[in-house]
C-alpha atoms as a PDB file:
ATOM      1  CA  MET A   1      60.487  56.102  54.490  1.00  0.00           C
ATOM      2  CA  THR A   2      56.898  55.530  55.590  1.00  0.00           C
ATOM      3  CA  ALA A   3      55.282  53.616  58.405  1.00  0.00           C
ATOM      4  CA  THR A   4      54.624  50.665  56.108  1.00  0.00           C
ATOM      5  CA  SER A   5      58.344  50.079  55.483  1.00  0.00           C
ATOM      6  CA  THR A   6      59.409  47.862  58.376  1.00  0.00           C
ATOM      7  CA  SER A   7      62.588  46.133  57.210  1.00  0.00           C
ATOM      8  CA  HIS A   8      65.127  48.427  58.877  1.00  0.00           C
ATOM      9  CA  PRO A   9      65.371  51.112  61.553  1.00  0.00           C
ATOM     10  CA  PHE A  10      64.186  54.541  60.471  1.00  0.00           C
ATOM     11  CA  PRO A  11      67.157  56.790  59.681  1.00  0.00           C
ATOM     12  CA  ALA A  12      66.639  60.027  61.587  1.00  0.00           C
ATOM     13  CA  PRO A  13      64.950  62.355  60.915  1.00  0.00           C
ATOM     14  CA  LEU A  14      62.727  60.276  58.596  1.00  0.00           C
ATOM     15  CA  VAL A  15      60.247  59.037  61.177  1.00  0.00           C
ATOM     16  CA  ASP A  16      56.490  58.573  61.150  1.00  0.00           C
ATOM     17  CA  ASP A  17      54.069  59.907  63.771  1.00  0.00           C
ATOM     18  CA  ASP A  18      54.150  56.737  65.869  1.00  0.00           C
ATOM     19  CA  THR A  19      57.953  56.716  66.026  1.00  0.00           C
ATOM     20  CA  ALA A  20      58.083  60.440  66.823  1.00  0.00           C
ATOM     21  CA  ALA A  21      55.633  59.863  69.688  1.00  0.00           C
ATOM     22  CA  ARG A  22      57.757  57.015  71.029  1.00  0.00           C
ATOM     23  CA  VAL A  23      60.812  59.285  70.900  1.00  0.00           C
ATOM     24  CA  ALA A  24      58.807  61.879  72.849  1.00  0.00           C
ATOM     25  CA  LEU A  25      57.826  59.323  75.484  1.00  0.00           C
ATOM     26  CA  ALA A  26      61.445  58.192  75.801  1.00  0.00           C
ATOM     27  CA  ALA A  27      62.407  61.848  76.308  1.00  0.00           C
ATOM     28  CA  ALA A  28      59.886  61.920  79.148  1.00  0.00           C
ATOM     29  CA  GLY A  29      61.574  58.920  80.742  1.00  0.00           C
ATOM     30  CA  VAL A  30      58.523  56.636  80.635  1.00  0.00           C
ATOM     31  CA  SER A  31      59.698  53.876  78.285  1.00  0.00           C
ATOM     32  CA  GLY A  32      58.967  50.617  80.095  1.00  0.00           C
ATOM     33  CA  ASP A  33      56.125  52.145  82.143  1.00  0.00           C
ATOM     34  CA  ILE A  34      53.341  49.548  82.028  1.00  0.00           C
ATOM     35  CA  ALA A  35      50.641  52.235  82.218  1.00  0.00           C
ATOM     36  CA  VAL A  36      52.125  53.897  79.114  1.00  0.00           C
ATOM     37  CA  SER A  37      51.969  50.573  77.262  1.00  0.00           C
ATOM     38  CA  ILE A  38      48.314  50.272  78.293  1.00  0.00           C
ATOM     39  CA  GLY A  39      47.640  53.821  77.076  1.00  0.00           C
ATOM     40  CA  ILE A  40      49.158  53.120  73.665  1.00  0.00           C
ATOM     41  CA  ARG A  41      46.875  50.101  73.266  1.00  0.00           C
ATOM     42  CA  VAL A  42      43.776  51.899  74.573  1.00  0.00           C
ATOM     43  CA  PHE A  43      44.185  54.881  72.238  1.00  0.00           C
ATOM     44  CA  GLY A  44      45.329  52.830  69.251  1.00  0.00           C
ATOM     45  CA  GLY A  45      48.878  54.128  68.922  1.00  0.00           C
ATOM     46  CA  ALA A  46      51.623  56.116  70.595  1.00  0.00           C
ATOM     47  CA  SER A  47      50.830  59.409  68.829  1.00  0.00           C
ATOM     48  CA  ARG A  48      47.160  59.286  69.846  1.00  0.00           C
ATOM     49  CA  PHE A  49      48.124  58.450  73.413  1.00  0.00           C
ATOM     50  CA  VAL A  50      50.543  61.386  73.676  1.00  0.00           C
ATOM     51  CA  ALA A  51      47.901  63.718  72.232  1.00  0.00           C
ATOM     52  CA  ALA A  52      45.332  62.455  74.757  1.00  0.00           C
ATOM     53  CA  VAL A  53      47.691  63.118  77.678  1.00  0.00           C
ATOM     54  CA  HIS A  54      48.441  66.646  76.462  1.00  0.00           C
ATOM     55  CA  ASP A  55      44.710  67.291  75.946  1.00  0.00           C
ATOM     56  CA  GLN A  56      43.931  65.892  79.427  1.00  0.00           C
ATOM     57  CA  HIS A  57      41.728  63.154  77.952  1.00  0.00           C
ATOM     58  CA  ASP A  58      43.725  60.302  79.486  1.00  0.00           C
ATOM     59  CA  ALA A  59      41.803  59.611  82.713  1.00  0.00           C
ATOM     60  CA  ILE A  60      41.042  56.078  81.525  1.00  0.00           C
ATOM     61  CA  VAL A  61      44.764  55.189  81.716  1.00  0.00           C
ATOM     62  CA  PRO A  62      46.265  54.357  85.161  1.00  0.00           C
ATOM     63  CA  LEU A  63      49.180  56.802  84.846  1.00  0.00           C
ATOM     64  CA  THR A  64      50.821  58.120  87.987  1.00  0.00           C
ATOM     65  CA  ASN A  65      50.729  61.866  88.443  1.00  0.00           C
ATOM     66  CA  ALA A  66      54.510  61.933  88.035  1.00  0.00           C
ATOM     67  CA  SER A  67      54.387  60.106  84.670  1.00  0.00           C
ATOM     68  CA  ARG A  68      51.539  62.268  83.444  1.00  0.00           C
ATOM     69  CA  SER A  69      53.454  65.418  84.388  1.00  0.00           C
ATOM     70  CA  ARG A  70      56.641  64.212  82.702  1.00  0.00           C
ATOM     71  CA  ILE A  71      54.791  63.451  79.465  1.00  0.00           C
ATOM     72  CA  ARG A  72      53.146  66.879  79.387  1.00  0.00           C
ATOM     73  CA  THR A  73      56.467  68.584  80.151  1.00  0.00           C
ATOM     74  CA  TYR A  74      58.982  66.629  78.066  1.00  0.00           C
ATOM     75  CA  ALA A  75      57.029  64.755  75.355  1.00  0.00           C
ATOM     76  CA  THR A  76      57.064  67.767  73.040  1.00  0.00           C
ATOM     77  CA  ALA A  77      57.913  68.460  69.408  1.00  0.00           C
ATOM     78  CA  ALA A  78      60.902  70.577  70.444  1.00  0.00           C
ATOM     79  CA  HIS A  79      62.442  67.711  72.420  1.00  0.00           C
ATOM     80  CA  VAL A  80      61.795  65.280  69.563  1.00  0.00           C
ATOM     81  CA  VAL A  81      63.534  67.541  67.036  1.00  0.00           C
ATOM     82  CA  ARG A  82      66.621  67.883  69.240  1.00  0.00           C
ATOM     83  CA  ILE A  83      66.793  64.138  69.846  1.00  0.00           C
ATOM     84  CA  LEU A  84      66.427  63.328  66.151  1.00  0.00           C
ATOM     85  CA  GLU A  85      69.204  65.786  65.336  1.00  0.00           C
ATOM     86  CA  ARG A  86      71.497  64.032  67.837  1.00  0.00           C
ATOM     87  CA  THR A  87      70.421  60.673  66.455  1.00  0.00           C
ATOM     88  CA  ALA A  88      71.406  61.662  62.916  1.00  0.00           C
ATOM     89  CA  LYS A  89      74.638  63.336  64.028  1.00  0.00           C
ATOM     90  CA  ARG A  90      75.809  60.191  65.833  1.00  0.00           C
ATOM     91  CA  GLY A  91      74.877  57.864  62.985  1.00  0.00           C
ATOM     92  CA  LEU A  92      72.270  55.965  65.001  1.00  0.00           C
ATOM     93  CA  GLY A  93      69.097  54.247  63.846  1.00  0.00           C
ATOM     94  CA  ILE A  94      65.741  54.013  65.602  1.00  0.00           C
ATOM     95  CA  LEU A  95      64.126  50.599  66.016  1.00  0.00           C
ATOM     96  CA  THR A  96      60.481  50.162  67.081  1.00  0.00           C
ATOM     97  CA  PRO A  97      58.120  47.196  67.476  1.00  0.00           C
ATOM     98  CA  LEU A  98      56.877  47.938  63.923  1.00  0.00           C
ATOM     99  CA  HIS A  99      60.177  46.758  62.420  1.00  0.00           C
ATOM    100  CA  ASP A 100      60.868  43.217  61.290  1.00  0.00           C
ATOM    101  CA  SER A 101      64.146  43.219  63.239  1.00  0.00           C
ATOM    102  CA  TRP A 102      62.501  44.133  66.567  1.00  0.00           C
ATOM    103  CA  PRO A 103      63.599  41.405  69.044  1.00  0.00           C
ATOM    104  CA  ALA A 104      60.735  38.995  69.719  1.00  0.00           C
ATOM    105  CA  GLN A 105      62.383  38.250  73.088  1.00  0.00           C
ATOM    106  CA  PHE A 106      60.955  41.495  74.457  1.00  0.00           C
ATOM    107  CA  GLY A 107      57.573  39.792  74.509  1.00  0.00           C
ATOM    108  CA  ALA A 108      58.680  38.243  77.811  1.00  0.00           C
ATOM    109  CA  MET A 109      58.653  41.743  79.351  1.00  0.00           C
ATOM    110  CA  ARG A 110      55.004  42.308  78.376  1.00  0.00           C
ATOM    111  CA  GLY A 111      53.989  45.892  79.136  1.00  0.00           C
ATOM    112  CA  ALA A 112      57.424  46.713  80.535  1.00  0.00           C
ATOM    113  CA  ALA A 113      59.119  46.228  77.150  1.00  0.00           C
ATOM    114  CA  PRO A 114      60.930  49.269  75.718  1.00  0.00           C
ATOM    115  CA  LEU A 115      58.961  51.583  73.418  1.00  0.00           C
ATOM    116  CA  LEU A 116      61.899  51.821  71.014  1.00  0.00           C
ATOM    117  CA  LEU A 117      65.661  51.380  70.808  1.00  0.00           C
ATOM    118  CA  TRP A 118      68.491  53.487  69.450  1.00  0.00           C
ATOM    119  CA  VAL A 119      70.876  51.221  67.546  1.00  0.00           C
ATOM    120  CA  ARG A 120      74.270  51.358  65.881  1.00  0.00           C
ATOM    121  CA  GLY A 121      75.385  48.367  63.841  1.00  0.00           C
ATOM    122  CA  ASP A 122      73.666  45.196  62.654  1.00  0.00           C
ATOM    123  CA  GLU A 123      70.252  45.196  64.350  1.00  0.00           C
ATOM    124  CA  TRP A 124      69.529  41.642  63.147  1.00  0.00           C
ATOM    125  CA  ALA A 125      72.066  40.432  65.732  1.00  0.00           C
ATOM    126  CA  LEU A 126      69.390  41.221  68.339  1.00  0.00           C
ATOM    127  CA  SER A 127      67.337  38.234  67.193  1.00  0.00           C
ATOM    128  CA  ALA A 128      70.202  35.713  66.964  1.00  0.00           C
ATOM    129  CA  PRO A 129      70.843  33.010  69.615  1.00  0.00           C
ATOM    130  CA  SER A 130      72.658  34.852  72.377  1.00  0.00           C
ATOM    131  CA  ILE A 131      74.181  34.543  75.848  1.00  0.00           C
ATOM    132  CA  ALA A 132      74.570  37.409  78.323  1.00  0.00           C
ATOM    133  CA  MET A 133      77.693  37.527  80.454  1.00  0.00           C
ATOM    134  CA  ALA A 134      78.027  39.707  83.543  1.00  0.00           C
ATOM    135  CA  GLY A 135      80.586  40.026  86.288  1.00  0.00           C
ATOM    136  CA  ALA A 136      81.977  42.078  89.119  1.00  0.00           C
ATOM    137  CA  ALA A 137      82.508  45.824  88.791  1.00  0.00           C
ATOM    138  CA  SER A 138      86.111  45.376  89.956  1.00  0.00           C
ATOM    139  CA  PRO A 139      87.114  41.866  88.828  1.00  0.00           C
ATOM    140  CA  SER A 140      90.296  40.142  89.897  1.00  0.00           C
ATOM    141  CA  GLN A 141      92.904  39.143  87.327  1.00  0.00           C
ATOM    142  CA  GLN A 142      91.657  35.551  87.547  1.00  0.00           C
ATOM    143  CA  GLU A 143      88.058  36.666  86.943  1.00  0.00           C
ATOM    144  CA  ARG A 144      89.179  38.671  83.919  1.00  0.00           C
ATOM    145  CA  GLN A 145      91.010  35.666  82.499  1.00  0.00           C
ATOM    146  CA  THR A 146      87.986  33.423  83.078  1.00  0.00           C
ATOM    147  CA  ALA A 147      85.693  35.918  81.344  1.00  0.00           C
ATOM    148  CA  ILE A 148      87.967  36.131  78.289  1.00  0.00           C
ATOM    149  CA  GLU A 149      88.303  32.341  78.101  1.00  0.00           C
ATOM    150  CA  LEU A 150      84.546  31.833  78.313  1.00  0.00           C
ATOM    151  CA  ALA A 151      83.658  34.670  75.924  1.00  0.00           C
ATOM    152  CA  THR A 152      86.075  33.584  73.210  1.00  0.00           C
ATOM    153  CA  GLY A 153      84.984  29.961  73.600  1.00  0.00           C
ATOM    154  CA  LEU A 154      81.291  30.811  73.233  1.00  0.00           C
ATOM    155  CA  ALA A 155      81.973  33.147  70.309  1.00  0.00           C
ATOM    156  CA  SER A 156      83.836  30.356  68.541  1.00  0.00           C
ATOM    157  CA  ARG A 157      80.724  28.181  68.943  1.00  0.00           C
ATOM    158  CA  GLY A 158      78.523  30.735  67.202  1.00  0.00           C
ATOM    159  CA  TRP A 159      76.889  32.475  70.146  1.00  0.00           C
ATOM    160  CA  VAL A 160      76.167  36.206  70.026  1.00  0.00           C
ATOM    161  CA  LEU A 161      77.526  37.680  73.268  1.00  0.00           C
ATOM    162  CA  VAL A 162      75.406  40.206  75.185  1.00  0.00           C
ATOM    163  CA  SER A 163      76.804  42.637  77.745  1.00  0.00           C
ATOM    164  CA  GLY A 164      76.560  46.120  79.166  1.00  0.00           C
ATOM    165  CA  THR A 165      79.096  48.858  78.477  1.00  0.00           C
ATOM    166  CA  ASN A 166      81.055  49.236  81.700  1.00  0.00           C
ATOM    167  CA  LYS A 167      84.851  49.162  81.826  1.00  0.00           C
ATOM    168  CA  ALA A 168      85.176  45.803  83.545  1.00  0.00           C
ATOM    169  CA  ILE A 169      83.792  42.415  82.427  1.00  0.00           C
ATOM    170  CA  ASP A 170      81.427  43.984  79.891  1.00  0.00           C
ATOM    171  CA  SER A 171      84.330  45.491  77.975  1.00  0.00           C
ATOM    172  CA  LEU A 172      86.185  42.180  77.990  1.00  0.00           C
ATOM    173  CA  VAL A 173      83.124  40.378  76.609  1.00  0.00           C
ATOM    174  CA  TRP A 174      82.567  42.550  73.555  1.00  0.00           C
ATOM    175  CA  ARG A 175      86.305  42.915  72.878  1.00  0.00           C
ATOM    176  CA  SER A 176      86.591  39.116  72.946  1.00  0.00           C
ATOM    177  CA  ALA A 177      83.759  38.895  70.408  1.00  0.00           C
ATOM    178  CA  GLU A 178      85.505  41.471  68.204  1.00  0.00           C
ATOM    179  CA  ALA A 179      88.759  39.504  68.407  1.00  0.00           C
ATOM    180  CA  MET A 180      86.901  36.358  67.305  1.00  0.00           C
ATOM    181  CA  LYS A 181      85.131  38.320  64.502  1.00  0.00           C
ATOM    182  CA  SER A 182      81.869  37.321  66.146  1.00  0.00           C
ATOM    183  CA  GLN A 183      78.684  39.319  66.638  1.00  0.00           C
ATOM    184  CA  SER A 184      77.987  40.980  69.977  1.00  0.00           C
ATOM    185  CA  ILE A 185      75.258  43.090  71.554  1.00  0.00           C
ATOM    186  CA  THR A 186      76.231  45.882  73.940  1.00  0.00           C
ATOM    187  CA  LEU A 187      73.455  47.642  75.814  1.00  0.00           C
ATOM    188  CA  SER A 188      74.169  51.135  77.094  1.00  0.00           C
ATOM    189  CA  ALA A 189      72.561  52.717  80.157  1.00  0.00           C
ATOM    190  CA  THR A 190      73.727  56.193  79.079  1.00  0.00           C
ATOM    191  CA  GLY A 191      71.822  56.818  75.859  1.00  0.00           C
ATOM    192  CA  PHE A 192      75.104  57.102  73.940  1.00  0.00           C
ATOM    193  CA  ALA A 193      76.038  60.111  76.086  1.00  0.00           C
ATOM    194  CA  GLU A 194      79.435  59.729  74.481  1.00  0.00           C
ATOM    195  CA  GLN A 195      80.222  58.775  70.895  1.00  0.00           C
ATOM    196  CA  PRO A 196      79.637  54.997  70.656  1.00  0.00           C
ATOM    197  CA  SER A 197      82.710  52.778  70.483  1.00  0.00           C
ATOM    198  CA  ALA A 198      83.385  51.256  67.101  1.00  0.00           C
ATOM    199  CA  THR A 199      82.117  47.740  66.566  1.00  0.00           C
ATOM    200  CA  ARG A 200      82.663  45.821  63.379  1.00  0.00           C
ATOM    201  CA  PHE A 201      80.550  42.752  63.939  1.00  0.00           C
ATOM    202  CA  GLY A 202      77.728  43.557  66.319  1.00  0.00           C
ATOM    203  CA  VAL A 203      75.241  46.147  67.478  1.00  0.00           C
ATOM    204  CA  GLN A 204      75.167  48.759  70.218  1.00  0.00           C
ATOM    205  CA  VAL A 205      71.790  49.532  71.755  1.00  0.00           C
ATOM    206  CA  SER A 206      70.216  52.009  74.162  1.00  0.00           C
ATOM    207  CA  GLU A 207      66.680  52.599  75.373  1.00  0.00           C
ATOM    208  CA  LEU A 208      67.610  56.174  76.286  1.00  0.00           C
ATOM    209  CA  PRO A 209      67.766  58.972  73.703  1.00  0.00           C
ATOM    210  CA  PRO A 210      71.280  60.013  72.644  1.00  0.00           C
ATOM    211  CA  GLY A 211      72.794  62.564  74.971  1.00  0.00           C
ATOM    212  CA  PHE A 212      70.887  61.400  78.055  1.00  0.00           C
ATOM    213  CA  GLU A 213      73.093  60.564  81.035  1.00  0.00           C
ATOM    214  CA  ALA A 214      72.947  57.417  83.117  1.00  0.00           C
ATOM    215  CA  SER A 215      70.910  57.267  86.305  1.00  0.00           C
ATOM    216  CA  ILE A 216      70.512  54.574  88.938  1.00  0.00           C
ATOM    217  CA  GLU A 217      67.199  53.628  87.321  1.00  0.00           C
ATOM    218  CA  SER A 218      68.642  53.504  83.781  1.00  0.00           C
ATOM    219  CA  GLN A 219      71.466  51.251  84.988  1.00  0.00           C
ATOM    220  CA  ARG A 220      68.992  48.892  86.650  1.00  0.00           C
ATOM    221  CA  ARG A 221      66.790  48.969  83.570  1.00  0.00           C
ATOM    222  CA  ALA A 222      69.735  48.234  81.249  1.00  0.00           C
ATOM    223  CA  LYS A 223      70.489  45.041  83.169  1.00  0.00           C
ATOM    224  CA  GLN A 224      66.852  43.970  82.775  1.00  0.00           C
ATOM    225  CA  LEU A 225      67.048  44.560  79.021  1.00  0.00           C
ATOM    226  CA  VAL A 226      70.257  42.526  78.782  1.00  0.00           C
ATOM    227  CA  ALA A 227      68.436  39.620  80.447  1.00  0.00           C
ATOM    228  CA  ALA A 228      65.469  40.068  78.092  1.00  0.00           C
ATOM    229  CA  ILE A 229      67.521  40.107  74.888  1.00  0.00           C
ATOM    230  CA  ALA A 230      69.658  37.112  75.845  1.00  0.00           C
ATOM    231  CA  GLY A 231      68.493  33.540  75.486  1.00  0.00           C
ATOM    232  CA  LYS A 232      70.328  32.678  78.693  1.00  0.00           C
ATOM    233  CA  VAL A 233      72.439  34.464  81.293  1.00  0.00           C
ATOM    234  CA  ILE A 234      75.791  33.681  82.932  1.00  0.00           C
ATOM    235  CA  ILE A 235      76.785  35.594  86.081  1.00  0.00           C
ATOM    236  CA  ASP A 236      80.006  35.089  88.027  1.00  0.00           C
ATOM    237  CA  GLU A 237      79.827  34.043  91.651  1.00  0.00           C
ATOM    238  CA  SER A 238      81.338  37.262  93.054  1.00  0.00           C
ATOM    239  CA  SER A 239      78.581  39.479  91.608  1.00  0.00           C
ATOM    240  CA  ALA A 240      75.542  37.198  91.793  1.00  0.00           C
ATOM    241  CA  SER A 241      74.326  38.707  95.049  1.00  0.00           C
ATOM    242  CA  SER A 242      75.168  42.365  94.472  1.00  0.00           C
ATOM    243  CA  THR A 243      76.174  44.082  91.234  1.00  0.00           C
ATOM    244  CA  ASN A 244      73.988  42.029  88.933  1.00  0.00           C
ATOM    245  CA  LEU A 245      71.057  41.255  91.199  1.00  0.00           C
ATOM    246  CA  ALA A 246      68.644  43.203  88.945  1.00  0.00           C
ATOM    247  CA  MET A 247      69.716  41.115  85.951  1.00  0.00           C
ATOM    248  CA  LEU A 248      69.414  37.922  87.959  1.00  0.00           C
ATOM    249  CA  HIS A 249      65.876  38.750  89.116  1.00  0.00           C
ATOM    250  CA  ALA A 250      64.849  39.758  85.582  1.00  0.00           C
ATOM    251  CA  ALA A 251      66.260  36.585  84.032  1.00  0.00           C
ATOM    252  CA  THR A 252      64.445  34.441  86.592  1.00  0.00           C
ATOM    253  CA  ALA A 253      61.153  36.296  86.075  1.00  0.00           C
ATOM    254  CA  MET A 254      61.390  35.807  82.310  1.00  0.00           C
ATOM    255  CA  LYS A 255      62.338  32.144  82.759  1.00  0.00           C
ATOM    256  CA  ARG A 256      65.764  32.582  81.185  1.00  0.00           C
ATOM    257  CA  PRO A 257      68.253  29.825  82.066  1.00  0.00           C
ATOM    258  CA  VAL A 258      70.818  31.153  84.546  1.00  0.00           C
ATOM    259  CA  GLY A 259      74.389  29.912  84.813  1.00  0.00           C
ATOM    260  CA  LEU A 260      76.607  30.630  87.816  1.00  0.00           C
ATOM    261  CA  LEU A 261      80.306  30.913  87.045  1.00  0.00           C
ATOM    262  CA  PRO A 262      83.089  30.160  89.573  1.00  0.00           C
ATOM    263  CA  CYS A 263      86.265  32.224  89.438  1.00  0.00           C
ATOM    264  CA  THR A 264      88.155  29.533  87.518  1.00  0.00           C
ATOM    265  CA  LEU A 265      86.819  27.405  84.673  1.00  0.00           C
ATOM    266  CA  GLY A 266      87.421  23.693  85.211  1.00  0.00           C
ATOM    267  CA  SER A 267      87.381  24.021  88.992  1.00  0.00           C
ATOM    268  CA  ARG A 268      85.794  21.023  90.696  1.00  0.00           C
ATOM    269  CA  ASP A 269      85.909  22.538  94.184  1.00  0.00           C
ATOM    270  CA  VAL A 270      83.285  25.216  93.600  1.00  0.00           C
ATOM    271  CA  SER A 271      82.096  27.315  96.531  1.00  0.00           C
ATOM    272  CA  LEU A 272      79.032  29.291  95.481  1.00  0.00           C
ATOM    273  CA  PRO A 273      76.401  31.355  97.295  1.00  0.00           C
ATOM    274  CA  PRO A 274      73.397  29.361  98.528  1.00  0.00           C
ATOM    275  CA  ARG A 275      71.102  28.869  95.546  1.00  0.00           C
ATOM    276  CA  THR A 276      67.943  30.353  96.975  1.00  0.00           C
ATOM    277  CA  GLY A 277      65.617  33.027  95.618  1.00  0.00           C
ATOM    278  CA  PRO A 278      66.713  34.053  92.104  1.00  0.00           C
ATOM    279  CA  LEU A 279      69.632  31.599  92.287  1.00  0.00           C
ATOM    280  CA  ARG A 280      67.329  28.626  92.759  1.00  0.00           C
ATOM    281  CA  GLY A 281      67.758  26.320  89.769  1.00  0.00           C
ATOM    282  CA  ALA A 282      70.921  28.057  88.495  1.00  0.00           C
ATOM    283  CA  THR A 283      73.392  25.790  86.709  1.00  0.00           C
ATOM    284  CA  VAL A 284      77.027  25.788  87.827  1.00  0.00           C
ATOM    285  CA  ILE A 285      79.255  26.482  84.818  1.00  0.00           C
ATOM    286  CA  THR A 286      82.665  24.794  84.992  1.00  0.00           C
ATOM    287  CA  SER A 287      83.537  24.658  81.286  1.00  0.00           C
ATOM    288  CA  ILE A 288      82.805  26.245  77.929  1.00  0.00           C
ATOM    289  CA  ARG A 289      80.840  23.115  77.073  1.00  0.00           C
ATOM    290  CA  ASP A 290      78.645  23.664  80.155  1.00  0.00           C
ATOM    291  CA  ALA A 291      77.986  27.239  79.050  1.00  0.00           C
ATOM    292  CA  ASP A 292      77.161  26.118  75.520  1.00  0.00           C
ATOM    293  CA  HIS A 293      74.710  23.385  76.487  1.00  0.00           C
ATOM    294  CA  PHE A 294      72.969  24.406  79.739  1.00  0.00           C
ATOM    295  CA  HIS A 295      69.280  25.256  79.429  1.00  0.00           C
END
């Protein structure tokens, strides 16, 4: 496959120079670095930018010393080969902005958009109308029931459900989509450190190369990417001011509609956190219909 074929993700290890350079930059941990995005534009491509950094001809780009050092240390052919081998072994594809199925929603992130994604499943689901759902790390039984009720209801109305990959609400969201034979998007903060879970109807995505472990920064970044991919975001009241604050701030910055979910759907006596800061303008969700129609 050549660089002019943009219909589907490149199957590893059949990648062009630009994709290989993006893999190298991801290995260096600088995907989403605005200065890196500037460098790629200035030098006319990712491969030329990486070469310029290695040749110390990159002074025109406002890289931090830390980013510059990481690129020179980790953005190497040896790292790329190992990552592509893992990519092929785990049956993953590589999606870049050159592909037709690259999500246009990432335009809202501007220079902070990912350089590429590792994907498993139907990548076209990334461009479908979608809703992100997020909740507490340790939800109550009532919160679990509410999440399942809302997720299955939205799936039945044709929405693609977006979530992370933790063991709590995220797991309930994509399992609900699977049960409804509906598409879902799960975004991993671990770079598929473990073999991806099977999904029949959706796509699993990571900005990190396969085998890379989660960090505090990758977890924060994953929540931002969930907000970017989704057309709108629903966060439950118990996590709106803590666990999912990064997602909430990202959704607000990208002008995504935000819904705030009480513990019980249909409740008319809703006690929610004061809607200030990133919660200003959030819509209270009391039914599946509210979640379907709010904007």
